[in-house]
PDB file of N, CA and C in Angstrom:
ATOM      1  N   UNK A   1     145.329 174.800  53.833  1.00  0.00           N
ATOM      2  CA  UNK A   1     145.507 174.154  55.200  1.00  0.00           C
ATOM      3  C   UNK A   1     146.942 173.889  55.321  1.00  0.00           C
ATOM      4  N   UNK A   2     147.423 174.051  56.611  1.00  0.00           N
ATOM      5  CA  UNK A   2     148.799 173.654  56.930  1.00  0.00           C
ATOM      6  C   UNK A   2     148.773 172.159  57.353  1.00  0.00           C
ATOM      7  N   UNK A   3     149.724 171.472  56.757  1.00  0.00           N
ATOM      8  CA  UNK A   3     149.958 170.006  57.058  1.00  0.00           C
ATOM      9  C   UNK A   3     151.393 169.925  57.574  1.00  0.00           C
ATOM     10  N   UNK A   4     151.583 169.433  58.753  1.00  0.00           N
ATOM     11  CA  UNK A   4     152.841 169.436  59.265  1.00  0.00           C
ATOM     12  C   UNK A   4     153.078 168.237  60.181  1.00  0.00           C
ATOM     13  N   UNK A   5     154.347 167.745  60.303  1.00  0.00           N
ATOM     14  CA  UNK A   5     154.738 166.653  61.058  1.00  0.00           C
ATOM     15  C   UNK A   5     154.986 167.055  62.454  1.00  0.00           C
ATOM     16  N   UNK A   6     155.091 168.363  62.739  1.00  0.00           N
ATOM     17  CA  UNK A   6     155.337 168.905  64.145  1.00  0.00           C
ATOM     18  C   UNK A   6     154.086 168.975  64.875  1.00  0.00           C
ATOM     19  N   UNK A   7     154.174 168.861  66.176  1.00  0.00           N
ATOM     20  CA  UNK A   7     152.852 168.876  67.089  1.00  0.00           C
ATOM     21  C   UNK A   7     152.358 170.340  67.148  1.00  0.00           C
ATOM     22  N   UNK A   8     153.076 171.348  66.858  1.00  0.00           N
ATOM     23  CA  UNK A   8     152.687 172.702  66.999  1.00  0.00           C
ATOM     24  C   UNK A   8     153.021 173.426  65.681  1.00  0.00           C
ATOM     25  N   UNK A   9     152.449 174.627  65.588  1.00  0.00           N
ATOM     26  CA  UNK A   9     152.792 175.510  64.460  1.00  0.00           C
ATOM     27  C   UNK A   9     153.379 176.798  65.005  1.00  0.00           C
ATOM     28  N   UNK A  10     154.584 177.067  64.690  1.00  0.00           N
ATOM     29  CA  UNK A  10     155.225 178.209  65.231  1.00  0.00           C
ATOM     30  C   UNK A  10     154.556 179.452  64.930  1.00  0.00           C
ATOM     31  N   UNK A  11     154.353 180.264  66.119  1.00  0.00           N
ATOM     32  CA  UNK A  11     153.692 181.439  65.981  1.00  0.00           C
ATOM     33  C   UNK A  11     152.165 181.438  66.018  1.00  0.00           C
ATOM     34  N   UNK A  12     151.586 180.261  66.028  1.00  0.00           N
ATOM     35  CA  UNK A  12     150.112 180.128  66.003  1.00  0.00           C
ATOM     36  C   UNK A  12     149.733 179.302  67.256  1.00  0.00           C
ATOM     37  N   UNK A  13     148.572 179.460  67.754  1.00  0.00           N
ATOM     38  CA  UNK A  13     148.000 178.840  68.989  1.00  0.00           C
ATOM     39  C   UNK A  13     146.870 177.794  68.578  1.00  0.00           C
ATOM     40  N   UNK A  14     146.974 176.610  68.967  1.00  0.00           N
ATOM     41  CA  UNK A  14     145.966 175.693  68.654  1.00  0.00           C
ATOM     42  C   UNK A  14     144.746 176.023  69.606  1.00  0.00           C
ATOM     43  N   UNK A  15     143.611 176.322  69.161  1.00  0.00           N
ATOM     44  CA  UNK A  15     142.398 176.644  69.913  1.00  0.00           C
ATOM     45  C   UNK A  15     141.645 175.435  70.302  1.00  0.00           C
ATOM     46  N   UNK A  16     141.605 174.495  69.286  1.00  0.00           N
ATOM     47  CA  UNK A  16     140.694 173.230  69.525  1.00  0.00           C
ATOM     48  C   UNK A  16     141.243 172.094  68.797  1.00  0.00           C
ATOM     49  N   UNK A  17     141.272 170.995  69.426  1.00  0.00           N
ATOM     50  CA  UNK A  17     141.611 169.714  68.795  1.00  0.00           C
ATOM     51  C   UNK A  17     140.319 169.065  68.298  1.00  0.00           C
ATOM     52  N   UNK A  18     140.347 168.632  67.040  1.00  0.00           N
ATOM     53  CA  UNK A  18     139.096 168.091  66.411  1.00  0.00           C
ATOM     54  C   UNK A  18     139.170 166.626  66.252  1.00  0.00           C
ATOM     55  N   UNK A  19     140.362 166.063  66.517  1.00  0.00           N
ATOM     56  CA  UNK A  19     140.488 164.608  66.519  1.00  0.00           C
ATOM     57  C   UNK A  19     141.471 164.089  65.527  1.00  0.00           C
ATOM     58  N   UNK A  20     141.690 162.713  65.566  1.00  0.00           N
ATOM     59  CA  UNK A  20     142.676 162.173  64.659  1.00  0.00           C
ATOM     60  C   UNK A  20     141.952 161.859  63.362  1.00  0.00           C
ATOM     61  N   UNK A  21     142.718 162.194  62.290  1.00  0.00           N
ATOM     62  CA  UNK A  21     142.169 161.929  60.943  1.00  0.00           C
ATOM     63  C   UNK A  21     143.080 161.049  60.114  1.00  0.00           C
ATOM     64  N   UNK A  22     142.479 160.389  59.217  1.00  0.00           N
ATOM     65  CA  UNK A  22     143.378 159.397  58.399  1.00  0.00           C
ATOM     66  C   UNK A  22     143.146 159.607  56.919  1.00  0.00           C
ATOM     67  N   UNK A  23     144.030 159.187  56.193  1.00  0.00           N
ATOM     68  CA  UNK A  23     143.966 159.178  54.719  1.00  0.00           C
ATOM     69  C   UNK A  23     144.574 157.816  54.207  1.00  0.00           C
ATOM     70  N   UNK A  24     143.891 156.913  53.552  1.00  0.00           N
ATOM     71  CA  UNK A  24     144.404 155.655  53.258  1.00  0.00           C
ATOM     72  C   UNK A  24     144.198 155.484  51.738  1.00  0.00           C
ATOM     73  N   UNK A  25     145.269 154.944  51.092  1.00  0.00           N
ATOM     74  CA  UNK A  25     145.247 154.609  49.640  1.00  0.00           C
ATOM     75  C   UNK A  25     145.851 153.223  49.479  1.00  0.00           C
ATOM     76  N   UNK A  26     145.274 152.389  48.747  1.00  0.00           N
ATOM     77  CA  UNK A  26     145.677 151.241  48.268  1.00  0.00           C
ATOM     78  C   UNK A  26     145.800 151.012  46.873  1.00  0.00           C
ATOM     79  N   UNK A  27     146.925 150.811  46.185  1.00  0.00           N
ATOM     80  CA  UNK A  27     146.968 150.898  44.724  1.00  0.00           C
ATOM     81  C   UNK A  27     147.759 149.640  44.309  1.00  0.00           C
ATOM     82  N   UNK A  28     147.343 149.169  43.186  1.00  0.00           N
ATOM     83  CA  UNK A  28     147.992 147.939  42.613  1.00  0.00           C
ATOM     84  C   UNK A  28     149.080 148.359  41.723  1.00  0.00           C
ATOM     85  N   UNK A  29     150.088 147.544  41.631  1.00  0.00           N
ATOM     86  CA  UNK A  29     151.110 147.778  40.756  1.00  0.00           C
ATOM     87  C   UNK A  29     151.026 146.638  39.694  1.00  0.00           C
ATOM     88  N   UNK A  30     151.025 147.154  38.389  1.00  0.00           N
ATOM     89  CA  UNK A  30     150.685 146.176  37.175  1.00  0.00           C
ATOM     90  C   UNK A  30     151.957 145.513  36.727  1.00  0.00           C
ATOM     91  N   UNK A  31     151.665 144.474  35.916  1.00  0.00           N
ATOM     92  CA  UNK A  31     152.735 143.649  35.435  1.00  0.00           C
ATOM     93  C   UNK A  31     153.844 144.366  34.677  1.00  0.00           C
ATOM     94  N   UNK A  32     153.378 145.466  33.780  1.00  0.00           N
ATOM     95  CA  UNK A  32     154.441 146.208  33.132  1.00  0.00           C
ATOM     96  C   UNK A  32     155.438 146.933  34.058  1.00  0.00           C
ATOM     97  N   UNK A  33     154.895 147.441  35.099  1.00  0.00           N
ATOM     98  CA  UNK A  33     155.785 148.058  36.138  1.00  0.00           C
ATOM     99  C   UNK A  33     156.694 147.090  36.849  1.00  0.00           C
ATOM    100  N   UNK A  34     156.108 146.009  37.076  1.00  0.00           N
ATOM    101  CA  UNK A  34     156.944 144.879  37.786  1.00  0.00           C
ATOM    102  C   UNK A  34     158.065 144.445  36.887  1.00  0.00           C
ATOM    103  N   UNK A  35     157.598 144.273  35.527  1.00  0.00           N
ATOM    104  CA  UNK A  35     158.793 143.794  34.607  1.00  0.00           C
ATOM    105  C   UNK A  35     159.856 144.992  34.519  1.00  0.00           C
ATOM    106  N   UNK A  36     159.479 146.257  34.285  1.00  0.00           N
ATOM    107  CA  UNK A  36     160.479 147.316  34.269  1.00  0.00           C
ATOM    108  C   UNK A  36     161.277 147.435  35.493  1.00  0.00           C
ATOM    109  N   UNK A  37     160.612 147.245  36.674  1.00  0.00           N
ATOM    110  CA  UNK A  37     161.275 147.303  37.936  1.00  0.00           C
ATOM    111  C   UNK A  37     162.364 146.140  38.070  1.00  0.00           C
ATOM    112  N   UNK A  38     162.006 144.991  37.608  1.00  0.00           N
ATOM    113  CA  UNK A  38     162.912 143.874  37.566  1.00  0.00           C
ATOM    114  C   UNK A  38     164.109 144.037  36.810  1.00  0.00           C
ATOM    115  N   UNK A  39     163.966 144.743  35.587  1.00  0.00           N
ATOM    116  CA  UNK A  39     165.114 145.101  34.778  1.00  0.00           C
ATOM    117  C   UNK A  39     165.912 145.994  35.436  1.00  0.00           C
ATOM    118  N   UNK A  40     165.359 147.087  36.032  1.00  0.00           N
ATOM    119  CA  UNK A  40     166.083 148.122  36.754  1.00  0.00           C
ATOM    120  C   UNK A  40     166.969 147.453  37.952  1.00  0.00           C
ATOM    121  N   UNK A  41     166.281 146.399  38.709  1.00  0.00           N
ATOM    122  CA  UNK A  41     166.965 145.763  39.751  1.00  0.00           C
ATOM    123  C   UNK A  41     168.171 145.042  39.165  1.00  0.00           C
ATOM    124  N   UNK A  42     168.092 144.501  38.020  1.00  0.00           N
ATOM    125  CA  UNK A  42     169.201 143.717  37.398  1.00  0.00           C
ATOM    126  C   UNK A  42     170.287 144.627  36.980  1.00  0.00           C
ATOM    127  N   UNK A  43     169.999 145.725  36.292  1.00  0.00           N
ATOM    128  CA  UNK A  43     171.185 146.508  35.741  1.00  0.00           C
ATOM    129  C   UNK A  43     171.383 147.758  36.638  1.00  0.00           C
ATOM    130  N   UNK A  44     170.603 148.001  37.635  1.00  0.00           N
ATOM    131  CA  UNK A  44     170.819 149.126  38.541  1.00  0.00           C
ATOM    132  C   UNK A  44     169.942 150.365  38.142  1.00  0.00           C
ATOM    133  N   UNK A  45     169.871 151.273  39.025  1.00  0.00           N
ATOM    134  CA  UNK A  45     169.047 152.464  38.772  1.00  0.00           C
ATOM    135  C   UNK A  45     167.817 152.736  39.499  1.00  0.00           C
ATOM    136  N   UNK A  46     167.162 153.696  39.239  1.00  0.00           N
ATOM    137  CA  UNK A  46     165.882 153.971  40.051  1.00  0.00           C
ATOM    138  C   UNK A  46     164.793 153.487  39.039  1.00  0.00           C
ATOM    139  N   UNK A  47     163.643 153.120  39.754  1.00  0.00           N
ATOM    140  CA  UNK A  47     162.457 152.771  39.085  1.00  0.00           C
ATOM    141  C   UNK A  47     161.506 153.881  39.021  1.00  0.00           C
ATOM    142  N   UNK A  48     161.452 154.634  37.978  1.00  0.00           N
ATOM    143  CA  UNK A  48     160.626 155.764  37.935  1.00  0.00           C
ATOM    144  C   UNK A  48     159.093 155.488  37.854  1.00  0.00           C
ATOM    145  N   UNK A  49     158.808 154.210  37.401  1.00  0.00           N
ATOM    146  CA  UNK A  49     157.393 153.923  37.437  1.00  0.00           C
ATOM    147  C   UNK A  49     156.906 153.688  38.853  1.00  0.00           C
ATOM    148  N   UNK A  50     157.780 153.002  39.638  1.00  0.00           N
ATOM    149  CA  UNK A  50     157.351 152.728  41.203  1.00  0.00           C
ATOM    150  C   UNK A  50     157.301 154.039  41.882  1.00  0.00           C
ATOM    151  N   UNK A  51     158.330 154.920  41.571  1.00  0.00           N
ATOM    152  CA  UNK A  51     158.441 156.174  42.190  1.00  0.00           C
ATOM    153  C   UNK A  51     157.200 157.107  41.943  1.00  0.00           C
ATOM    154  N   UNK A  52     156.824 157.069  40.717  1.00  0.00           N
ATOM    155  CA  UNK A  52     155.512 157.805  40.341  1.00  0.00           C
ATOM    156  C   UNK A  52     154.299 157.261  41.151  1.00  0.00           C
ATOM    157  N   UNK A  53     154.202 155.915  41.147  1.00  0.00           N
ATOM    158  CA  UNK A  53     153.136 155.294  41.999  1.00  0.00           C
ATOM    159  C   UNK A  53     153.156 155.687  43.471  1.00  0.00           C
ATOM    160  N   UNK A  54     154.311 155.690  43.921  1.00  0.00           N
ATOM    161  CA  UNK A  54     154.387 155.968  45.395  1.00  0.00           C
ATOM    162  C   UNK A  54     154.018 157.554  45.608  1.00  0.00           C
ATOM    163  N   UNK A  55     154.565 158.421  44.803  1.00  0.00           N
ATOM    164  CA  UNK A  55     154.210 159.900  44.958  1.00  0.00           C
ATOM    165  C   UNK A  55     152.787 160.080  44.775  1.00  0.00           C
ATOM    166  N   UNK A  56     152.111 159.437  43.837  1.00  0.00           N
ATOM    167  CA  UNK A  56     150.727 159.497  43.607  1.00  0.00           C
ATOM    168  C   UNK A  56     149.825 158.966  44.796  1.00  0.00           C
ATOM    169  N   UNK A  57     150.280 157.951  45.313  1.00  0.00           N
ATOM    170  CA  UNK A  57     149.564 157.293  46.529  1.00  0.00           C
ATOM    171  C   UNK A  57     149.749 158.198  47.670  1.00  0.00           C
ATOM    172  N   UNK A  58     150.817 158.661  47.912  1.00  0.00           N
ATOM    173  CA  UNK A  58     151.023 159.707  49.108  1.00  0.00           C
ATOM    174  C   UNK A  58     150.345 160.924  48.936  1.00  0.00           C
ATOM    175  N   UNK A  59     150.365 161.557  47.801  1.00  0.00           N
ATOM    176  CA  UNK A  59     149.514 162.673  47.467  1.00  0.00           C
ATOM    177  C   UNK A  59     148.100 162.478  47.919  1.00  0.00           C
ATOM    178  N   UNK A  60     147.526 161.406  47.374  1.00  0.00           N
ATOM    179  CA  UNK A  60     146.175 161.079  47.574  1.00  0.00           C
ATOM    180  C   UNK A  60     145.816 160.865  48.999  1.00  0.00           C
ATOM    181  N   UNK A  61     146.664 160.205  49.605  1.00  0.00           N
ATOM    182  CA  UNK A  61     146.512 159.873  51.128  1.00  0.00           C
ATOM    183  C   UNK A  61     146.476 161.172  51.922  1.00  0.00           C
ATOM    184  N   UNK A  62     147.380 162.033  51.562  1.00  0.00           N
ATOM    185  CA  UNK A  62     147.413 163.323  52.345  1.00  0.00           C
ATOM    186  C   UNK A  62     146.159 164.148  51.929  1.00  0.00           C
ATOM    187  N   UNK A  63     145.673 164.253  50.771  1.00  0.00           N
ATOM    188  CA  UNK A  63     144.590 164.960  50.204  1.00  0.00           C
ATOM    189  C   UNK A  63     143.329 164.321  51.108  1.00  0.00           C
ATOM    190  N   UNK A  64     143.184 163.025  51.022  1.00  0.00           N
ATOM    191  CA  UNK A  64     142.125 162.481  51.808  1.00  0.00           C
ATOM    192  C   UNK A  64     142.085 162.826  53.192  1.00  0.00           C
ATOM    193  N   UNK A  65     143.248 162.757  53.954  1.00  0.00           N
ATOM    194  CA  UNK A  65     143.438 163.176  55.323  1.00  0.00           C
ATOM    195  C   UNK A  65     142.839 164.609  55.452  1.00  0.00           C
ATOM    196  N   UNK A  66     143.313 165.396  54.651  1.00  0.00           N
ATOM    197  CA  UNK A  66     143.058 166.996  54.694  1.00  0.00           C
ATOM    198  C   UNK A  66     141.429 167.098  54.468  1.00  0.00           C
ATOM    199  N   UNK A  67     140.803 166.349  53.565  1.00  0.00           N
ATOM    200  CA  UNK A  67     139.399 166.450  53.396  1.00  0.00           C
ATOM    201  C   UNK A  67     138.629 166.023  54.653  1.00  0.00           C
ATOM    202  N   UNK A  68     139.143 164.899  55.346  1.00  0.00           N
ATOM    203  CA  UNK A  68     138.460 164.490  56.557  1.00  0.00           C
ATOM    204  C   UNK A  68     138.684 165.454  57.712  1.00  0.00           C
ATOM    205  N   UNK A  69     139.808 166.100  57.749  1.00  0.00           N
ATOM    206  CA  UNK A  69     139.996 167.262  58.732  1.00  0.00           C
ATOM    207  C   UNK A  69     138.991 168.314  58.523  1.00  0.00           C
ATOM    208  N   UNK A  70     138.804 168.678  57.363  1.00  0.00           N
ATOM    209  CA  UNK A  70     137.857 169.739  56.952  1.00  0.00           C
ATOM    210  C   UNK A  70     136.345 169.326  57.504  1.00  0.00           C
ATOM    211  N   UNK A  71     136.064 167.944  57.102  1.00  0.00           N
ATOM    212  CA  UNK A  71     134.781 167.461  57.644  1.00  0.00           C
ATOM    213  C   UNK A  71     134.576 167.394  59.189  1.00  0.00           C
ATOM    214  N   UNK A  72     135.725 167.385  59.868  1.00  0.00           N
ATOM    215  CA  UNK A  72     135.620 167.450  61.360  1.00  0.00           C
ATOM    216  C   UNK A  72     135.536 168.838  61.899  1.00  0.00           C
ATOM    217  N   UNK A  73     135.796 169.722  61.002  1.00  0.00           N
ATOM    218  CA  UNK A  73     135.773 171.163  61.412  1.00  0.00           C
ATOM    219  C   UNK A  73     136.970 171.793  61.618  1.00  0.00           C
ATOM    220  N   UNK A  74     138.064 171.163  61.273  1.00  0.00           N
ATOM    221  CA  UNK A  74     139.405 171.820  61.275  1.00  0.00           C
ATOM    222  C   UNK A  74     139.419 172.986  60.243  1.00  0.00           C
ATOM    223  N   UNK A  75     139.887 174.079  60.674  1.00  0.00           N
ATOM    224  CA  UNK A  75     139.796 175.174  59.671  1.00  0.00           C
ATOM    225  C   UNK A  75     141.145 175.536  59.085  1.00  0.00           C
ATOM    226  N   UNK A  76     142.273 175.108  59.714  1.00  0.00           N
ATOM    227  CA  UNK A  76     143.587 175.579  59.260  1.00  0.00           C
ATOM    228  C   UNK A  76     144.725 174.543  59.271  1.00  0.00           C
ATOM    229  N   UNK A  77     144.523 173.446  59.895  1.00  0.00           N
ATOM    230  CA  UNK A  77     145.784 172.641  60.079  1.00  0.00           C
ATOM    231  C   UNK A  77     145.444 171.224  60.431  1.00  0.00           C
ATOM    232  N   UNK A  78     146.492 170.398  60.187  1.00  0.00           N
ATOM    233  CA  UNK A  78     146.564 169.006  60.731  1.00  0.00           C
ATOM    234  C   UNK A  78     148.075 168.866  61.156  1.00  0.00           C
ATOM    235  N   UNK A  79     148.154 168.702  62.459  1.00  0.00           N
ATOM    236  CA  UNK A  79     149.562 168.565  63.034  1.00  0.00           C
ATOM    237  C   UNK A  79     149.822 167.089  63.427  1.00  0.00           C
ATOM    238  N   UNK A  80     151.169 166.846  63.634  1.00  0.00           N
ATOM    239  CA  UNK A  80     151.718 165.541  64.049  1.00  0.00           C
ATOM    240  C   UNK A  80     151.431 164.524  62.992  1.00  0.00           C
ATOM    241  N   UNK A  81     151.579 164.903  61.726  1.00  0.00           N
ATOM    242  CA  UNK A  81     151.434 163.896  60.733  1.00  0.00           C
ATOM    243  C   UNK A  81     152.498 162.818  60.626  1.00  0.00           C
ATOM    244  N   UNK A  82     151.952 161.613  60.435  1.00  0.00           N
ATOM    245  CA  UNK A  82     152.742 160.368  60.160  1.00  0.00           C
ATOM    246  C   UNK A  82     152.280 159.751  58.888  1.00  0.00           C
ATOM    247  N   UNK A  83     153.249 159.398  58.132  1.00  0.00           N
ATOM    248  CA  UNK A  83     152.897 158.620  56.896  1.00  0.00           C
ATOM    249  C   UNK A  83     153.605 157.241  57.003  1.00  0.00           C
ATOM    250  N   UNK A  84     152.778 156.165  56.759  1.00  0.00           N
ATOM    251  CA  UNK A  84     153.221 154.809  56.638  1.00  0.00           C
ATOM    252  C   UNK A  84     153.044 154.087  55.375  1.00  0.00           C
ATOM    253  N   UNK A  85     153.977 153.255  54.949  1.00  0.00           N
ATOM    254  CA  UNK A  85     153.914 152.518  53.745  1.00  0.00           C
ATOM    255  C   UNK A  85     153.954 150.985  54.045  1.00  0.00           C
ATOM    256  N   UNK A  86     152.979 150.235  53.350  1.00  0.00           N
ATOM    257  CA  UNK A  86     152.997 148.781  53.462  1.00  0.00           C
ATOM    258  C   UNK A  86     152.933 148.219  52.142  1.00  0.00           C
ATOM    259  N   UNK A  87     153.448 147.058  51.943  1.00  0.00           N
ATOM    260  CA  UNK A  87     153.253 146.215  50.767  1.00  0.00           C
ATOM    261  C   UNK A  87     152.322 145.137  51.030  1.00  0.00           C
ATOM    262  N   UNK A  88     151.210 145.024  50.390  1.00  0.00           N
ATOM    263  CA  UNK A  88     150.148 143.944  50.606  1.00  0.00           C
ATOM    264  C   UNK A  88     149.946 143.063  49.543  1.00  0.00           C
ATOM    265  N   UNK A  89     149.190 142.163  49.631  1.00  0.00           N
ATOM    266  CA  UNK A  89     148.777 141.185  48.655  1.00  0.00           C
ATOM    267  C   UNK A  89     149.588 139.908  48.590  1.00  0.00           C
ATOM    268  N   UNK A  90     148.972 138.962  47.886  1.00  0.00           N
ATOM    269  CA  UNK A  90     149.633 137.619  47.865  1.00  0.00           C
ATOM    270  C   UNK A  90     151.121 137.623  47.371  1.00  0.00           C
ATOM    271  N   UNK A  91     151.346 138.456  46.295  1.00  0.00           N
ATOM    272  CA  UNK A  91     152.768 138.615  45.739  1.00  0.00           C
ATOM    273  C   UNK A  91     153.329 139.976  45.986  1.00  0.00           C
ATOM    274  N   UNK A  92     152.761 140.687  46.964  1.00  0.00           N
ATOM    275  CA  UNK A  92     153.250 141.982  47.212  1.00  0.00           C
ATOM    276  C   UNK A  92     152.989 142.941  46.086  1.00  0.00           C
ATOM    277  N   UNK A  93     152.001 142.709  45.544  1.00  0.00           N
ATOM    278  CA  UNK A  93     151.557 143.562  44.345  1.00  0.00           C
ATOM    279  C   UNK A  93     150.704 144.878  44.682  1.00  0.00           C
ATOM    280  N   UNK A  94     150.394 145.059  45.928  1.00  0.00           N
ATOM    281  CA  UNK A  94     149.556 146.207  46.383  1.00  0.00           C
ATOM    282  C   UNK A  94     150.464 147.038  47.273  1.00  0.00           C
ATOM    283  N   UNK A  95     150.366 148.428  47.084  1.00  0.00           N
ATOM    284  CA  UNK A  95     150.911 149.280  47.849  1.00  0.00           C
ATOM    285  C   UNK A  95     149.964 150.101  48.703  1.00  0.00           C
ATOM    286  N   UNK A  96     150.158 150.160  50.057  1.00  0.00           N
ATOM    287  CA  UNK A  96     149.242 150.856  50.907  1.00  0.00           C
ATOM    288  C   UNK A  96     150.012 152.076  51.448  1.00  0.00           C
ATOM    289  N   UNK A  97     149.394 153.312  51.404  1.00  0.00           N
ATOM    290  CA  UNK A  97     149.964 154.440  52.073  1.00  0.00           C
ATOM    291  C   UNK A  97     148.833 155.029  52.989  1.00  0.00           C
ATOM    292  N   UNK A  98     149.341 155.270  54.285  1.00  0.00           N
ATOM    293  CA  UNK A  98     148.436 155.673  55.199  1.00  0.00           C
ATOM    294  C   UNK A  98     148.987 157.028  55.804  1.00  0.00           C
ATOM    295  N   UNK A  99     148.232 158.096  55.848  1.00  0.00           N
ATOM    296  CA  UNK A  99     148.664 159.413  56.413  1.00  0.00           C
ATOM    297  C   UNK A  99     147.766 159.616  57.580  1.00  0.00           C
ATOM    298  N   UNK A 100     148.214 160.014  58.862  1.00  0.00           N
ATOM    299  CA  UNK A 100     147.418 160.241  59.974  1.00  0.00           C
ATOM    300  C   UNK A 100     147.998 161.444  60.672  1.00  0.00           C
ATOM    301  N   UNK A 101     147.054 162.220  61.341  1.00  0.00           N
ATOM    302  CA  UNK A 101     147.496 163.395  61.998  1.00  0.00           C
ATOM    303  C   UNK A 101     146.344 163.841  62.860  1.00  0.00           C
ATOM    304  N   UNK A 102     146.438 164.892  63.619  1.00  0.00           N
ATOM    305  CA  UNK A 102     145.335 165.500  64.461  1.00  0.00           C
ATOM    306  C   UNK A 102     144.927 166.868  63.791  1.00  0.00           C
ATOM    307  N   UNK A 103     143.647 166.765  63.585  1.00  0.00           N
ATOM    308  CA  UNK A 103     143.018 167.955  62.928  1.00  0.00           C
ATOM    309  C   UNK A 103     142.738 169.027  63.969  1.00  0.00           C
ATOM    310  N   UNK A 104     143.000 170.259  63.729  1.00  0.00           N
ATOM    311  CA  UNK A 104     142.929 171.347  64.802  1.00  0.00           C
ATOM    312  C   UNK A 104     142.314 172.586  64.134  1.00  0.00           C
ATOM    313  N   UNK A 105     141.794 173.486  65.018  1.00  0.00           N
ATOM    314  CA  UNK A 105     141.412 174.800  64.712  1.00  0.00           C
ATOM    315  C   UNK A 105     142.469 175.664  65.350  1.00  0.00           C
ATOM    316  N   UNK A 106     142.892 176.748  64.660  1.00  0.00           N
ATOM    317  CA  UNK A 106     143.823 177.634  65.192  1.00  0.00           C
ATOM    318  C   UNK A 106     143.089 178.941  65.678  1.00  0.00           C
ATOM    319  N   UNK A 107     143.834 179.471  66.663  1.00  0.00           N
ATOM    320  CA  UNK A 107     143.212 180.755  67.248  1.00  0.00           C
ATOM    321  C   UNK A 107     143.476 181.855  66.368  1.00  0.00           C
TER     322      UNK A 107
END
């Protein structure tokens, strides 16, 4: 399935719009990652553990959105994709990733 942020797919015609689809993932960040990130914050550098969690959450949200597009009858694409990130929870210990787009059938 083609997943794109653009509203169209070059060289293809959208035959039918099946509706807006979403994929949402909320994941917790544990104490070990928080501790490692605080050390990185102090000495500088990237936080590999947080990056891994972000990549995993984004991948899952995109997959969920694609699955929901298929359930709506989309056969080949989701266009106009937008990905949002939020920090949730009392201490900001939860990461929410939301992917949304329009499920379509191509001609």
